[in-house]
Amino acid sequence: MKTTAVKYMKSATRSDIVGFVYDHLYKLGWKTSFNYYMYRPIKFLNKHLMIPDGNISEFNKFVNYCFLLSRSFTDQDEAARYQGRYGLSIYFSVLLYWLLTSYGVINEKKLNFCQGYYSFAVPEDSSGNVRYRAGIHSWLSMKGSVLDVTLWQYDFPEFKQQDRLPRVITGRIPDNINLIGFEEDKSLAKEYARQFAKDSGLTFYNWLNHHRKQAGLFSKVRRLERETDTDTDKHQDQPSAMIKLEDERTGLSL
């Protein structure tokens, strides 16, 4: 998988990077809902992500679906169209946005589609100099809390083992990563979604319904796999093993 559009810098101001992101979004065929040069970007901080109790199961289903699909799509799948334009984070963020807001999981007024950049610094040599790395990225924000299913793709070899990125960000942003950007107008998420649907020869509603059904199928398969694993573990007199994602509140597990 290609990494996102990346710029290497010995030093750069936040304004420099925001300008880079804004210009390259348009060069790559993407858009914004306003001129980034005219506004101050948001630095997103650790903030607990709260999901209404009655919607946790549906939340898990759609988040797991987008995460798993982001890691397993083939060249023939819809998502592959946008990989060459560094648009995987945009595509999966938009898809997740509409799955969550269209099927009663999260109120549309509380969820935002974001565009901006990730950045991190790593030691360049023993002298203590650092190299900065930044790249275009998209995610979702719910009342200031980050929901991100594609940050894992930037798990660069420069990271030490203890700094490896989690599979899904549900509020807590790793200490070694900055997420800086803008909450876009809802109209941009809709425009992107309509384009994705058109690229697949579907209407927006048929496109979204297709992914809703696929998410249900993914969820059913994962549940059956876990039940099979549990039965096997019982026979072996060993506890079932599931990998827990970082936020215990949401109960996410894969």
Foldseek 3Di string as FASTA:
>chain_A
DDAFDKDKDLDDDLLRQQVVQQVLCVVLPHHFQDDSNVDFKDWFAFDAFDWPPVQLVVLLLLLVLLLVCLVDPDCPDLLVVCVVSRCSQVVSQLLSLCSCCVPPRDPNVQKFKWKGKKKFWAQPDPVRRIMIMMGIHIFMAGNRFTWGQPPQVVQDPRDDPVQRDFRIGRRHDGPRMIDITDGGDVVSSVVVLQVSQVVVVHGSVVVSVVSVVVSVVVVVVVVVVQVVQCVVCVVVVHHRDWADTDRVNSVHID
